[in-house]
Amino acid sequence: MSDKFPKYAVEKPMGQKTTDLKRRRLLTALTVVPFLGGRAFSEDVIELSWSDLLPKTETAIPQSLLGIIEHDNLSLSSEQPESSGVRSDWNGQTVRLPGYIVPIDYDGTGVTAFILVPYVGACVHVPPPPANQLVLVTTSTPYESEGLFEPVYVTGMFGISSISTHLADIGYALSADEIEPYQM
């Protein structure tokens, strides 16, 4: 037995001490994991607002897109305003964005594809917002929506898109990992 180990210690082959240290660290880390929450090992989620989707040269969402739409004062034109461009800052990133559901596709009673819009009435009762203010959301797990224009938070992989639906042209897409009700 080596002089550097106490008499009660068993001498270990070279490299064994390193393996034991790694095991102890792993076991210590595993005892902490339950307290970290579900997103401990996932990438950071970026909180976005609708103004974040506008090009950097635009500083604000036009007043016509904010608040409650007065249906009585609408022009008869139902054309979608032209988009001033999209931003690629969050391509491939996990983002979280609030908005309202305009369903496009269902699986049973659950929504599997919808347009996320910034205000109630968009794409249905009034001309749709520009493409850079619309997000096509798809989900593999159908979301049991409470109805048209339900406010939700959607979290998932985000990117630029060029999709045209029967309702509007859409500038962004989001593959939803999580959809949850939101009080706006």
C-alpha atoms as a PDB file:
ATOM      1  CA  MET A   1       0.000   0.000   0.000  1.00  0.00           C
ATOM      2  CA  SER A   2       1.196   3.474  -0.765  1.00  0.00           C
ATOM      3  CA  ASP A   3       2.315   5.819   2.011  1.00  0.00           C
ATOM      4  CA  LYS A   4       0.190   8.656   0.668  1.00  0.00           C
ATOM      5  CA  PHE A   5      -3.108   6.834   1.363  1.00  0.00           C
ATOM      6  CA  PRO A   6      -4.408   6.212   4.862  1.00  0.00           C
ATOM      7  CA  LYS A   7      -4.342   2.561   5.948  1.00  0.00           C
ATOM      8  CA  TYR A   8      -8.118   2.223   5.598  1.00  0.00           C
ATOM      9  CA  ALA A   9      -8.101   3.428   1.976  1.00  0.00           C
ATOM     10  CA  VAL A  10      -7.768   1.005  -0.872  1.00  0.00           C
ATOM     11  CA  GLU A  11      -5.317   1.995  -3.525  1.00  0.00           C
ATOM     12  CA  LYS A  12      -7.113   2.520  -6.850  1.00  0.00           C
ATOM     13  CA  PRO A  13      -5.724   2.019 -10.316  1.00  0.00           C
ATOM     14  CA  MET A  14      -4.490   5.138 -12.092  1.00  0.00           C
ATOM     15  CA  GLY A  15      -7.434   7.148 -13.477  1.00  0.00           C
ATOM     16  CA  GLN A  16      -9.901   5.679 -10.993  1.00  0.00           C
ATOM     17  CA  LYS A  17      -9.746   8.797  -8.772  1.00  0.00           C
ATOM     18  CA  THR A  18     -10.772  10.956 -11.724  1.00  0.00           C
ATOM     19  CA  THR A  19     -13.677   8.632 -12.520  1.00  0.00           C
ATOM     20  CA  ASP A  20     -14.850   8.709  -8.892  1.00  0.00           C
ATOM     21  CA  LEU A  21     -14.684  12.512  -8.849  1.00  0.00           C
ATOM     22  CA  LYS A  22     -16.757  12.664 -12.052  1.00  0.00           C
ATOM     23  CA  ARG A  23     -19.309  10.268 -10.535  1.00  0.00           C
ATOM     24  CA  ARG A  24     -19.612  12.395  -7.390  1.00  0.00           C
ATOM     25  CA  ARG A  25     -20.093  15.555  -9.447  1.00  0.00           C
ATOM     26  CA  LEU A  26     -22.700  13.856 -11.632  1.00  0.00           C
ATOM     27  CA  LEU A  27     -24.617  12.564  -8.612  1.00  0.00           C
ATOM     28  CA  THR A  28     -24.505  16.004  -6.998  1.00  0.00           C
ATOM     29  CA  ALA A  29     -25.795  17.608 -10.198  1.00  0.00           C
ATOM     30  CA  LEU A  30     -28.616  15.064 -10.483  1.00  0.00           C
ATOM     31  CA  THR A  31     -29.856  15.883  -6.984  1.00  0.00           C
ATOM     32  CA  VAL A  32     -30.189  19.555  -7.987  1.00  0.00           C
ATOM     33  CA  VAL A  33     -32.041  18.985 -11.302  1.00  0.00           C
ATOM     34  CA  PRO A  34     -35.557  18.515  -9.813  1.00  0.00           C
ATOM     35  CA  PHE A  35     -35.348  21.990  -8.293  1.00  0.00           C
ATOM     36  CA  LEU A  36     -34.354  23.785 -11.499  1.00  0.00           C
ATOM     37  CA  GLY A  37     -37.653  23.549 -13.372  1.00  0.00           C
ATOM     38  CA  GLY A  38     -38.554  22.264 -16.813  1.00  0.00           C
ATOM     39  CA  ARG A  39     -36.487  24.696 -18.846  1.00  0.00           C
ATOM     40  CA  ALA A  40     -33.227  24.187 -16.978  1.00  0.00           C
ATOM     41  CA  PHE A  41     -31.497  22.592 -19.939  1.00  0.00           C
ATOM     42  CA  SER A  42     -33.407  24.210 -22.775  1.00  0.00           C
ATOM     43  CA  GLU A  43     -32.173  27.251 -24.579  1.00  0.00           C
ATOM     44  CA  ASP A  44     -33.217  30.691 -23.430  1.00  0.00           C
ATOM     45  CA  VAL A  45     -36.668  31.828 -24.516  1.00  0.00           C
ATOM     46  CA  ILE A  46     -36.786  35.282 -26.103  1.00  0.00           C
ATOM     47  CA  GLU A  47     -39.846  37.346 -25.157  1.00  0.00           C
ATOM     48  CA  LEU A  48     -41.091  39.204 -28.236  1.00  0.00           C
ATOM     49  CA  SER A  49     -43.719  41.878 -28.747  1.00  0.00           C
ATOM     50  CA  TRP A  50     -45.407  42.724 -32.019  1.00  0.00           C
ATOM     51  CA  SER A  51     -43.286  45.835 -32.484  1.00  0.00           C
ATOM     52  CA  ASP A  52     -40.195  43.577 -32.423  1.00  0.00           C
ATOM     53  CA  LEU A  53     -41.389  42.027 -35.698  1.00  0.00           C
ATOM     54  CA  LEU A  54     -41.266  45.327 -37.553  1.00  0.00           C
ATOM     55  CA  PRO A  55     -38.106  46.284 -39.467  1.00  0.00           C
ATOM     56  CA  LYS A  56     -35.630  48.336 -37.444  1.00  0.00           C
ATOM     57  CA  THR A  57     -36.482  51.389 -39.542  1.00  0.00           C
ATOM     58  CA  GLU A  58     -40.071  51.307 -38.254  1.00  0.00           C
ATOM     59  CA  THR A  59     -40.306  52.386 -34.655  1.00  0.00           C
ATOM     60  CA  ALA A  60     -43.971  51.849 -33.906  1.00  0.00           C
ATOM     61  CA  ILE A  61     -46.999  49.854 -34.930  1.00  0.00           C
ATOM     62  CA  PRO A  62     -49.388  52.107 -36.875  1.00  0.00           C
ATOM     63  CA  GLN A  63     -52.282  53.417 -34.782  1.00  0.00           C
ATOM     64  CA  SER A  64     -54.713  51.643 -37.113  1.00  0.00           C
ATOM     65  CA  LEU A  65     -53.347  48.316 -35.817  1.00  0.00           C
ATOM     66  CA  LEU A  66     -53.561  49.165 -32.124  1.00  0.00           C
ATOM     67  CA  GLY A  67     -56.511  48.756 -29.793  1.00  0.00           C
ATOM     68  CA  ILE A  68     -60.086  47.963 -30.701  1.00  0.00           C
ATOM     69  CA  ILE A  69     -61.072  48.253 -34.345  1.00  0.00           C
ATOM     70  CA  GLU A  70     -64.128  50.370 -35.059  1.00  0.00           C
ATOM     71  CA  HIS A  71     -65.937  48.297 -37.655  1.00  0.00           C
ATOM     72  CA  ASP A  72     -68.341  51.131 -38.550  1.00  0.00           C
ATOM     73  CA  ASN A  73     -65.494  53.391 -39.719  1.00  0.00           C
ATOM     74  CA  LEU A  74     -63.702  50.866 -41.917  1.00  0.00           C
ATOM     75  CA  SER A  75     -63.147  51.493 -45.587  1.00  0.00           C
ATOM     76  CA  LEU A  76     -64.672  49.023 -47.975  1.00  0.00           C
ATOM     77  CA  SER A  77     -61.213  48.047 -49.129  1.00  0.00           C
ATOM     78  CA  SER A  78     -60.298  44.643 -47.689  1.00  0.00           C
ATOM     79  CA  GLU A  79     -56.809  44.577 -49.117  1.00  0.00           C
ATOM     80  CA  GLN A  80     -53.925  43.691 -46.897  1.00  0.00           C
ATOM     81  CA  PRO A  81     -51.480  46.594 -46.470  1.00  0.00           C
ATOM     82  CA  GLU A  82     -48.083  45.944 -47.970  1.00  0.00           C
ATOM     83  CA  SER A  83     -45.441  44.730 -45.545  1.00  0.00           C
ATOM     84  CA  SER A  84     -42.389  46.922 -45.073  1.00  0.00           C
ATOM     85  CA  GLY A  85     -40.184  43.873 -44.549  1.00  0.00           C
ATOM     86  CA  VAL A  86     -39.422  41.248 -41.915  1.00  0.00           C
ATOM     87  CA  ARG A  87     -36.615  40.725 -39.432  1.00  0.00           C
ATOM     88  CA  SER A  88     -34.351  37.690 -39.364  1.00  0.00           C
ATOM     89  CA  ASP A  89     -32.931  38.385 -35.879  1.00  0.00           C
ATOM     90  CA  TRP A  90     -34.737  35.430 -34.299  1.00  0.00           C
ATOM     91  CA  ASN A  91     -34.534  32.809 -37.078  1.00  0.00           C
ATOM     92  CA  GLY A  92     -34.085  29.427 -35.435  1.00  0.00           C
ATOM     93  CA  GLN A  93     -34.506  30.859 -31.924  1.00  0.00           C
ATOM     94  CA  THR A  94     -37.069  29.860 -29.319  1.00  0.00           C
ATOM     95  CA  VAL A  95     -39.416  32.791 -28.748  1.00  0.00           C
ATOM     96  CA  ARG A  96     -42.562  33.577 -26.785  1.00  0.00           C
ATOM     97  CA  LEU A  97     -45.182  35.864 -28.343  1.00  0.00           C
ATOM     98  CA  PRO A  98     -48.694  36.837 -27.189  1.00  0.00           C
ATOM     99  CA  GLY A  99     -51.567  37.207 -29.628  1.00  0.00           C
ATOM    100  CA  TYR A 100     -54.968  36.012 -30.741  1.00  0.00           C
ATOM    101  CA  ILE A 101     -55.864  32.777 -32.528  1.00  0.00           C
ATOM    102  CA  VAL A 102     -57.393  32.713 -36.003  1.00  0.00           C
ATOM    103  CA  PRO A 103     -57.790  28.944 -36.634  1.00  0.00           C
ATOM    104  CA  ILE A 104     -56.825  27.464 -39.989  1.00  0.00           C
ATOM    105  CA  ASP A 105     -56.682  23.691 -39.391  1.00  0.00           C
ATOM    106  CA  TYR A 106     -58.081  21.278 -36.814  1.00  0.00           C
ATOM    107  CA  ASP A 107     -57.499  17.739 -35.602  1.00  0.00           C
ATOM    108  CA  GLY A 108     -60.809  16.768 -34.049  1.00  0.00           C
ATOM    109  CA  THR A 109     -61.710  19.694 -31.811  1.00  0.00           C
ATOM    110  CA  GLY A 110     -58.116  20.876 -31.352  1.00  0.00           C
ATOM    111  CA  VAL A 111     -56.435  23.542 -33.478  1.00  0.00           C
ATOM    112  CA  THR A 112     -53.232  22.357 -35.195  1.00  0.00           C
ATOM    113  CA  ALA A 113     -52.555  25.422 -37.348  1.00  0.00           C
ATOM    114  CA  PHE A 114     -53.558  29.034 -36.835  1.00  0.00           C
ATOM    115  CA  ILE A 115     -52.564  32.585 -37.585  1.00  0.00           C
ATOM    116  CA  LEU A 116     -51.375  34.455 -34.517  1.00  0.00           C
ATOM    117  CA  VAL A 117     -52.557  38.053 -34.844  1.00  0.00           C
ATOM    118  CA  PRO A 118     -51.858  41.163 -32.736  1.00  0.00           C
ATOM    119  CA  TYR A 119     -55.478  42.269 -32.236  1.00  0.00           C
ATOM    120  CA  VAL A 120     -59.045  40.950 -32.233  1.00  0.00           C
ATOM    121  CA  GLY A 121     -60.699  41.047 -35.640  1.00  0.00           C
ATOM    122  CA  ALA A 122     -57.524  40.751 -37.703  1.00  0.00           C
ATOM    123  CA  CYS A 123     -57.877  38.604 -40.835  1.00  0.00           C
ATOM    124  CA  VAL A 124     -61.612  38.057 -40.425  1.00  0.00           C
ATOM    125  CA  HIS A 125     -63.705  41.206 -39.958  1.00  0.00           C
ATOM    126  CA  VAL A 126     -61.227  43.810 -41.179  1.00  0.00           C
ATOM    127  CA  PRO A 127     -58.379  43.961 -43.665  1.00  0.00           C
ATOM    128  CA  PRO A 128     -55.537  41.835 -42.335  1.00  0.00           C
ATOM    129  CA  PRO A 129     -52.441  43.504 -40.934  1.00  0.00           C
ATOM    130  CA  PRO A 130     -49.268  43.526 -43.041  1.00  0.00           C
ATOM    131  CA  ALA A 131     -47.453  40.195 -43.371  1.00  0.00           C
ATOM    132  CA  ASN A 132     -44.824  41.290 -40.821  1.00  0.00           C
ATOM    133  CA  GLN A 133     -47.582  41.405 -38.188  1.00  0.00           C
ATOM    134  CA  LEU A 134     -48.831  37.845 -38.789  1.00  0.00           C
ATOM    135  CA  VAL A 135     -47.356  34.549 -37.599  1.00  0.00           C
ATOM    136  CA  LEU A 136     -48.373  31.107 -38.859  1.00  0.00           C
ATOM    137  CA  VAL A 137     -48.343  28.750 -35.871  1.00  0.00           C
ATOM    138  CA  THR A 138     -48.278  24.971 -36.240  1.00  0.00           C
ATOM    139  CA  THR A 139     -48.374  22.434 -33.445  1.00  0.00           C
ATOM    140  CA  SER A 140     -48.145  18.649 -33.368  1.00  0.00           C
ATOM    141  CA  THR A 141     -50.298  18.575 -30.231  1.00  0.00           C
ATOM    142  CA  PRO A 142     -53.759  19.981 -31.014  1.00  0.00           C
ATOM    143  CA  TYR A 143     -54.647  22.985 -28.845  1.00  0.00           C
ATOM    144  CA  GLU A 144     -58.171  22.968 -27.449  1.00  0.00           C
ATOM    145  CA  SER A 145     -59.075  26.549 -28.231  1.00  0.00           C
ATOM    146  CA  GLU A 146     -61.954  28.267 -26.474  1.00  0.00           C
ATOM    147  CA  GLY A 147     -62.962  29.899 -29.748  1.00  0.00           C
ATOM    148  CA  LEU A 148     -62.064  32.446 -32.352  1.00  0.00           C
ATOM    149  CA  PHE A 149     -59.636  35.130 -31.160  1.00  0.00           C
ATOM    150  CA  GLU A 150     -58.661  33.435 -27.919  1.00  0.00           C
ATOM    151  CA  PRO A 151     -55.690  35.273 -26.371  1.00  0.00           C
ATOM    152  CA  VAL A 152     -52.667  32.979 -26.007  1.00  0.00           C
ATOM    153  CA  TYR A 153     -48.950  32.929 -25.427  1.00  0.00           C
ATOM    154  CA  VAL A 154     -47.105  30.767 -27.962  1.00  0.00           C
ATOM    155  CA  THR A 155     -43.585  29.485 -27.332  1.00  0.00           C
ATOM    156  CA  GLY A 156     -41.519  27.688 -29.953  1.00  0.00           C
ATOM    157  CA  MET A 157     -39.054  27.808 -32.834  1.00  0.00           C
ATOM    158  CA  PHE A 158     -39.427  31.040 -34.814  1.00  0.00           C
ATOM    159  CA  GLY A 159     -38.473  32.055 -38.345  1.00  0.00           C
ATOM    160  CA  ILE A 160     -39.222  34.069 -41.448  1.00  0.00           C
ATOM    161  CA  SER A 161     -41.833  32.635 -43.748  1.00  0.00           C
ATOM    162  CA  SER A 162     -43.524  33.562 -47.003  1.00  0.00           C
ATOM    163  CA  ILE A 163     -46.901  31.888 -46.810  1.00  0.00           C
ATOM    164  CA  SER A 164     -50.093  32.914 -48.506  1.00  0.00           C
ATOM    165  CA  THR A 165     -53.398  31.659 -47.091  1.00  0.00           C
ATOM    166  CA  HIS A 166     -56.986  32.377 -48.071  1.00  0.00           C
ATOM    167  CA  LEU A 167     -57.017  35.006 -45.309  1.00  0.00           C
ATOM    168  CA  ALA A 168     -53.689  36.821 -45.750  1.00  0.00           C
ATOM    169  CA  ASP A 169     -50.017  36.727 -46.642  1.00  0.00           C
ATOM    170  CA  ILE A 170     -47.930  35.797 -43.601  1.00  0.00           C
ATOM    171  CA  GLY A 171     -44.357  36.911 -42.880  1.00  0.00           C
ATOM    172  CA  TYR A 172     -43.372  34.634 -39.991  1.00  0.00           C
ATOM    173  CA  ALA A 173     -43.818  31.038 -38.810  1.00  0.00           C
ATOM    174  CA  LEU A 174     -43.611  29.485 -35.358  1.00  0.00           C
ATOM    175  CA  SER A 175     -43.488  25.776 -34.552  1.00  0.00           C
ATOM    176  CA  ALA A 176     -45.215  25.711 -31.171  1.00  0.00           C
ATOM    177  CA  ASP A 177     -43.794  23.763 -28.251  1.00  0.00           C
ATOM    178  CA  GLU A 178     -46.242  25.372 -25.839  1.00  0.00           C
ATOM    179  CA  ILE A 179     -49.530  27.251 -26.217  1.00  0.00           C
ATOM    180  CA  GLU A 180     -51.138  28.649 -23.105  1.00  0.00           C
ATOM    181  CA  PRO A 181     -54.051  31.003 -22.347  1.00  0.00           C
ATOM    182  CA  TYR A 182     -53.039  34.612 -21.795  1.00  0.00           C
ATOM    183  CA  GLN A 183     -54.879  37.491 -20.152  1.00  0.00           C
ATOM    184  CA  MET A 184     -54.252  40.490 -22.430  1.00  0.00           C
END
